[in-house]
Protein backbone atom coordinates (compact mmCIF):
# COMPACT_ATOMS: atom_id res chain seq x y z
CA MET A 1 -3.07 5.83 2.51
CA LYS A 2 -6.44 4.51 1.57
CA GLN A 3 -8.64 1.91 -0.52
CA SER A 4 -7.63 1.23 -3.99
CA ALA A 5 -8.16 0.85 -7.86
CA GLU A 6 -9.58 -0.40 -13.49
CA SER A 7 -8.23 1.32 -16.25
CA MET A 8 -9.39 4.66 -16.53
CA VAL A 9 -8.68 7.05 -19.45
CA THR A 10 -6.08 9.66 -18.67
CA PRO A 11 -2.73 11.22 -20.42
CA PHE A 12 -0.70 8.59 -18.81
CA PRO A 13 -0.39 5.06 -20.71
CA VAL A 14 -3.24 2.50 -18.94
CA ALA A 15 -2.73 -1.29 -19.02
CA THR A 16 -5.61 -3.45 -20.51
CA ALA A 17 -7.37 -5.00 -18.21
CA ALA A 18 -7.38 -8.52 -17.94
CA ARG A 19 -10.79 -9.02 -16.28
CA ASP A 20 -14.12 -7.78 -15.97
CA SER A 21 -13.03 -4.04 -17.19
CA SER A 22 -16.56 -2.19 -15.23
CA ASP A 23 -15.81 0.50 -13.56
CA PRO A 24 -15.79 -0.67 -9.78
CA ASP A 25 -18.11 0.62 -6.96
CA ILE A 26 -16.76 2.80 -4.20
CA PRO A 27 -16.97 0.39 -1.31
CA ASP A 28 -19.29 1.54 1.68
CA TYR A 29 -16.60 0.91 4.18
CA LEU A 30 -14.79 3.50 2.20
CA GLU A 31 -17.39 5.60 1.82
CA LYS A 32 -18.63 6.01 5.48
CA ASN A 33 -15.60 6.25 6.92
CA TYR A 34 -13.18 8.06 5.10
CA TRP A 35 -15.33 10.31 2.89
CA TRP A 36 -13.74 13.36 4.66
CA ALA A 37 -10.38 11.64 4.10
CA TYR A 38 -10.16 10.76 0.16
CA LEU A 39 -13.55 11.17 -1.38
CA HIS A 40 -14.13 14.63 -0.31
CA PRO A 41 -12.96 17.36 -3.27
CA ARG A 42 -11.48 19.83 -0.02
CA ALA A 43 -10.12 16.22 1.35
CA VAL A 44 -7.48 16.51 -1.32
CA ARG A 45 -6.80 20.20 -0.80
CA ILE A 46 -6.27 19.83 2.77
CA PHE A 47 -4.44 16.46 2.54
CA GLU A 48 -2.02 16.51 -0.47
CA ARG A 49 0.42 18.48 1.59
CA GLU A 50 3.50 16.68 2.68
CA TRP A 51 4.00 18.76 5.87
CA LEU A 52 0.59 17.38 7.03
CA VAL A 53 1.45 14.15 5.92
CA ASN A 54 4.42 13.73 7.96
CA LEU A 55 2.74 15.11 10.90
CA ILE A 56 0.10 12.83 11.01
CA LEU A 57 3.13 9.93 10.85
CA TRP A 58 4.57 11.96 13.87
CA GLY A 59 7.72 12.92 11.56
CA ASN A 60 8.22 9.69 9.97
CA PHE A 61 6.87 9.94 6.16
CA ARG A 62 10.17 10.38 4.61
CA ARG A 63 11.42 7.46 6.77
CA LEU A 64 8.89 5.21 6.17
CA ARG A 65 8.39 5.87 2.03
CA ASP A 66 12.37 5.34 1.87
CA LEU A 67 12.25 2.15 3.63
CA ALA A 68 9.49 1.20 1.19
CA ILE A 69 11.17 2.21 -1.79
CA ALA A 70 14.76 0.53 -0.95
CA GLU A 71 13.06 -2.66 -0.96
CA LEU A 72 12.63 -2.12 -4.87
CA GLY A 73 16.06 -1.71 -5.72
CA TYR A 74 18.12 1.35 -7.28
CA PRO A 75 17.22 1.45 -9.89
CA ILE A 76 14.24 -0.12 -10.46
CA GLU A 77 14.46 -2.82 -13.22
CA GLN A 78 11.25 -4.47 -12.21
CA GLN A 79 7.91 -3.98 -12.98
CA VAL A 80 5.87 -2.53 -9.83
CA LEU A 81 2.19 -2.41 -8.98
CA GLN A 82 1.61 0.30 -6.24
CA VAL A 83 -2.22 -0.40 -4.64
CA ALA A 84 -3.91 2.90 -3.83
CA CYS A 85 -2.50 6.18 -3.96
CA VAL A 86 -0.97 8.13 -1.05
CA TYR A 87 -0.49 11.54 -0.07
CA GLY A 88 3.15 13.64 -0.74
CA ASP A 89 5.82 12.46 -3.24
CA PHE A 90 5.74 8.91 -2.45
CA THR A 91 5.28 7.98 -6.17
CA GLN A 92 6.58 10.43 -7.91
CA ARG A 93 9.74 9.26 -6.00
CA ILE A 94 9.59 5.62 -6.94
CA ALA A 95 9.05 7.32 -10.85
CA ALA A 96 12.25 9.21 -10.46
CA GLN A 97 13.89 5.57 -9.55
CA ILE A 98 12.23 3.30 -12.56
CA GLY A 99 15.21 2.44 -14.91
CA GLN A 100 15.60 1.31 -18.45
CA GLN A 101 13.71 -2.08 -17.74
CA GLY A 102 11.22 -0.95 -15.01
CA THR A 103 7.65 0.07 -14.90
CA LEU A 104 5.12 1.51 -12.29
CA ASP A 105 0.93 1.11 -12.39
CA VAL A 106 -1.03 2.39 -10.08
CA VAL A 107 -4.48 1.62 -8.85
CA ASP A 108 -6.97 3.22 -6.67
CA ILE A 109 -10.91 2.95 -6.35
CA ALA A 110 -11.43 6.58 -6.09
CA PRO A 111 -11.22 8.40 -9.50
CA ILE A 112 -10.30 11.84 -7.50
CA GLN A 113 -7.65 10.47 -6.23
CA LEU A 114 -5.99 9.16 -9.65
CA ASP A 115 -7.11 12.66 -10.97
CA ASN A 116 -5.06 13.97 -8.18
CA LEU A 117 -1.73 11.40 -8.55
CA ARG A 118 -2.38 12.44 -12.32
CA HIS A 119 -1.39 16.17 -11.50
CA LYS A 120 1.20 15.84 -9.48
CA LEU A 121 3.24 13.18 -12.25
CA ALA A 122 5.27 14.78 -14.72
CA PRO A 123 3.22 15.34 -18.15
CA ASP A 124 5.77 13.24 -20.02
CA SER A 125 5.70 10.24 -16.96
CA THR A 126 5.25 6.61 -17.76
CA VAL A 127 3.36 5.61 -14.78
CA ARG A 128 0.05 3.85 -15.50
CA LEU A 129 -3.18 4.64 -13.81
CA HIS A 130 -5.87 2.39 -13.21
CA ARG A 131 -9.30 2.60 -11.36
CA GLN A 132 -9.12 -0.42 -9.90
CA ASP A 133 -10.65 -2.40 -6.26
CA SER A 134 -7.52 -3.26 -4.33
CA ALA A 135 -10.04 -6.95 -3.79
CA ARG A 136 -10.37 -7.60 -7.10
CA LEU A 137 -7.45 -6.33 -9.04
CA GLN A 138 -7.44 -7.00 -12.88
CA PHE A 139 -3.73 -7.72 -13.27
CA PRO A 140 -2.99 -11.27 -14.74
CA THR A 141 -1.78 -13.39 -11.98
CA ALA A 142 2.16 -13.54 -11.48
CA SER A 143 2.64 -10.61 -14.30
CA VAL A 144 4.30 -8.40 -11.46
CA ASP A 145 7.58 -8.04 -10.13
CA ALA A 146 6.45 -5.99 -6.81
CA VAL A 147 3.55 -4.80 -5.08
CA VAL A 148 3.98 -2.42 -2.33
CA LEU A 149 1.19 -1.16 -0.08
CA PHE A 150 1.76 1.78 1.97
CA PHE A 151 -0.74 2.37 4.75
CA LEU A 152 -3.73 0.33 3.17
CA LEU A 153 -4.42 -2.32 4.81
CA HIS A 154 -5.08 -0.91 8.00
CA GLU A 155 -8.06 1.20 6.68
CA GLN A 156 -9.52 -1.98 5.46
CA PRO A 157 -12.56 -4.21 7.28
CA GLU A 158 -11.00 -7.75 7.89
CA ALA A 159 -12.45 -9.14 4.63
CA VAL A 160 -11.53 -6.88 2.44
CA ARG A 161 -7.82 -7.09 3.80
CA ARG A 162 -7.99 -10.54 3.19
CA ALA A 163 -8.64 -9.90 -0.40
CA THR A 164 -6.08 -7.32 -0.97
CA LEU A 165 -3.30 -9.45 0.35
CA ALA A 166 -4.48 -11.91 -1.68
CA GLU A 167 -4.86 -10.33 -4.82
CA ALA A 168 -1.40 -8.63 -4.20
CA LEU A 169 0.76 -12.29 -3.71
CA ARG A 170 -1.43 -13.42 -6.54
CA VAL A 171 -0.06 -10.62 -9.27
CA VAL A 172 3.62 -11.52 -7.99
CA ARG A 173 5.46 -13.30 -10.10
CA PRO A 174 7.56 -16.29 -8.42
CA GLY A 175 10.91 -14.38 -6.75
CA GLY A 176 9.16 -11.34 -6.59
CA LYS A 177 7.68 -9.80 -3.51
CA VAL A 178 5.38 -7.81 -1.45
CA VAL A 179 5.89 -4.69 0.21
CA ILE A 180 3.75 -3.40 2.94
CA VAL A 181 4.41 -0.70 5.68
CA ASP A 182 1.33 0.34 8.01
CA TYR A 183 0.88 0.94 11.37
CA HIS A 184 1.84 -2.06 14.58
CA ARG A 185 0.99 -1.95 18.25
CA PRO A 186 4.02 0.17 19.94
CA ARG A 187 5.61 -1.07 23.12
CA ARG A 188 4.06 -0.54 26.32
CA SER A 189 7.12 2.15 27.13
CA ASN A 190 6.33 4.11 24.08
CA PRO A 191 4.02 6.98 24.90
CA LEU A 192 2.23 7.47 21.40
CA ARG A 193 0.61 3.83 22.17
CA TYR A 194 -1.61 5.88 24.71
CA VAL A 195 -1.98 8.97 22.57
CA MET A 196 -2.73 6.70 19.61
CA ALA A 197 -4.90 4.57 20.70
CA PRO A 198 -8.08 6.78 21.53
CA ILE A 199 -7.23 8.69 17.91
CA LEU A 200 -6.88 4.94 15.96
CA LYS A 201 -10.46 4.69 17.37
CA TRP A 202 -12.12 7.55 16.52
CA LEU A 203 -10.34 8.03 13.23
CA GLU A 204 -9.50 4.88 11.61
CA PRO A 205 -12.16 2.31 12.85
CA PHE A 206 -10.34 -0.90 11.71
CA ALA A 207 -6.23 0.35 12.15
CA THR A 208 -6.03 -1.15 15.77
CA ASP A 209 -6.45 -4.84 14.00
CA LEU A 210 -3.08 -4.45 13.22
CA TRP A 211 -2.26 -3.68 16.87
CA ARG A 212 -3.92 -6.99 17.63
CA HIS A 213 -2.76 -9.18 14.85
CA GLU A 214 0.06 -9.75 12.78
CA ILE A 215 -0.21 -9.09 8.72
CA ALA A 216 1.17 -12.44 8.65
CA ASP A 217 -2.50 -13.76 10.30
CA TYR A 218 -3.92 -12.23 7.28
CA LEU A 219 -2.49 -14.15 4.51
CA PRO A 220 -4.50 -16.83 2.42
CA GLU A 221 -4.18 -20.15 3.71
CA GLY A 222 -1.74 -22.08 2.79
CA ALA A 223 0.57 -19.45 1.03
CA GLY A 224 2.74 -21.75 0.00
CA GLY A 225 6.01 -20.37 -1.73
CA CYS A 226 6.10 -17.76 0.53
CA SER A 227 8.70 -16.36 3.40
CA LEU A 228 7.77 -13.27 5.61
CA GLY A 229 10.15 -10.42 7.21
CA LYS A 230 9.16 -7.74 9.39
CA GLU A 231 10.64 -4.93 11.04
CA THR A 232 9.10 -2.66 13.41
CA TYR A 233 10.13 1.42 13.68
CA PHE A 234 9.42 4.22 15.68
CA GLY A 235 8.76 2.37 19.28
CA GLY A 236 6.91 -0.20 17.21
CA LEU A 237 4.13 2.38 16.25
CA TYR A 238 5.06 1.09 12.33
CA GLN A 239 6.26 -1.58 10.72
CA LYS A 240 7.34 -3.17 7.13
CA VAL A 241 6.84 -6.45 6.44
CA VAL A 242 8.59 -7.74 3.39
CA VAL A 243 6.17 -11.13 1.85
CA ARG A 244 8.87 -13.15 -0.51
CA VAL A 245 7.27 -15.31 -3.31
CA GLY A 246 9.65 -18.35 -3.93
CA GLU A 247 9.37 -21.02 -5.94
CA GLY A 248 11.25 -23.51 -2.64
CA ALA A 249 9.82 -22.66 0.40
CA GLU A 250 6.19 -24.67 1.13
CA THR A 251 4.94 -22.93 4.27
CA LEU A 252 4.92 -19.23 5.27
CA VAL A 253 7.80 -18.39 7.36
CA SER A 254 8.00 -15.24 9.73
CA ALA A 255 11.96 -14.16 10.09
CA PRO A 256 12.72 -13.11 13.61
CA ASP A 257 11.74 -9.15 13.98
CA ALA A 258 14.22 -6.94 14.07
CA ALA A 259 14.79 -4.52 17.11
CA SER A 260 12.31 -1.87 17.06
CA ARG A 261 14.03 1.23 16.21
CA PHE A 262 13.28 4.74 16.80
C-alpha cells in the first residue's frame, strides 16, 4: 500500500530494464508523509502483520485482496505486474495461482519493501522483483497482460498518481487490464465516513482526492481504446476499478457502478 519500484539484485529472477537502469530516488512525498509506514525498519516489523492490515481495512483485507486477484483468472496464465509491495499475503496469493504460462513481476521504489517481500516468498519462487518508480516504469510498452494497483493511488500526490496510471496503461497490451483497488467516498449513511475523514486527513494527506474525484479523472487525456468498470464495497468506502485496454473503443467509457456492497 504505497509508492512503487527498477531492477535490483535478488535471489529471484530479475527482468532486464528496458530503459534507464539507474536506481531511482525515494520521492520526497514518500519520505515526508510515509516514512513511518514503509521506509523505517521498525515500520516493516510493525505493519507486516496480516491481522493489523485487516484491522486497518476494517476487516476487509482478504475480501478486497481476493476481488483483485479474481480479475486475473485461475490459474493465472498471463504476465502480471504488481506495482508496489503490499503488507500481508497479497503477493504470495497471486504467486500461488500463477500457471505454467503466467509470470509475476513486482516493482517498488523502496529497497526495504523489496527485501521484506523477498523474505516472504518461497526460496524457489519465480516472482521477479524490481526497484522502479511507479511513475517511470522500466518495462517496455505493451509488455504485460495485467497491472495491479492495490491501495497505492491514494498515497500519491496528483501528479504522481496521474503518471502512475499513464505508465500502467502504457505497459499493458491491447486486450489487457489495469486492476485498481483503493479508497472511495463512502455513502453518507456509512458511519465510517465520519470516522475515516479525520484519520485520512491526519495520516494520508492525498487519500481524500479519491473521495472528491473518480479514478477515471486521473487517467491520461485521450485514453482511447479503454473501457472502465467500477464497483464499490463496504458502504462505498472501497472501490474496485478495472480499466480494460481494447482495440475497438475510441473513448474511455465508464460502466454503471454496481451497488455498493457491505
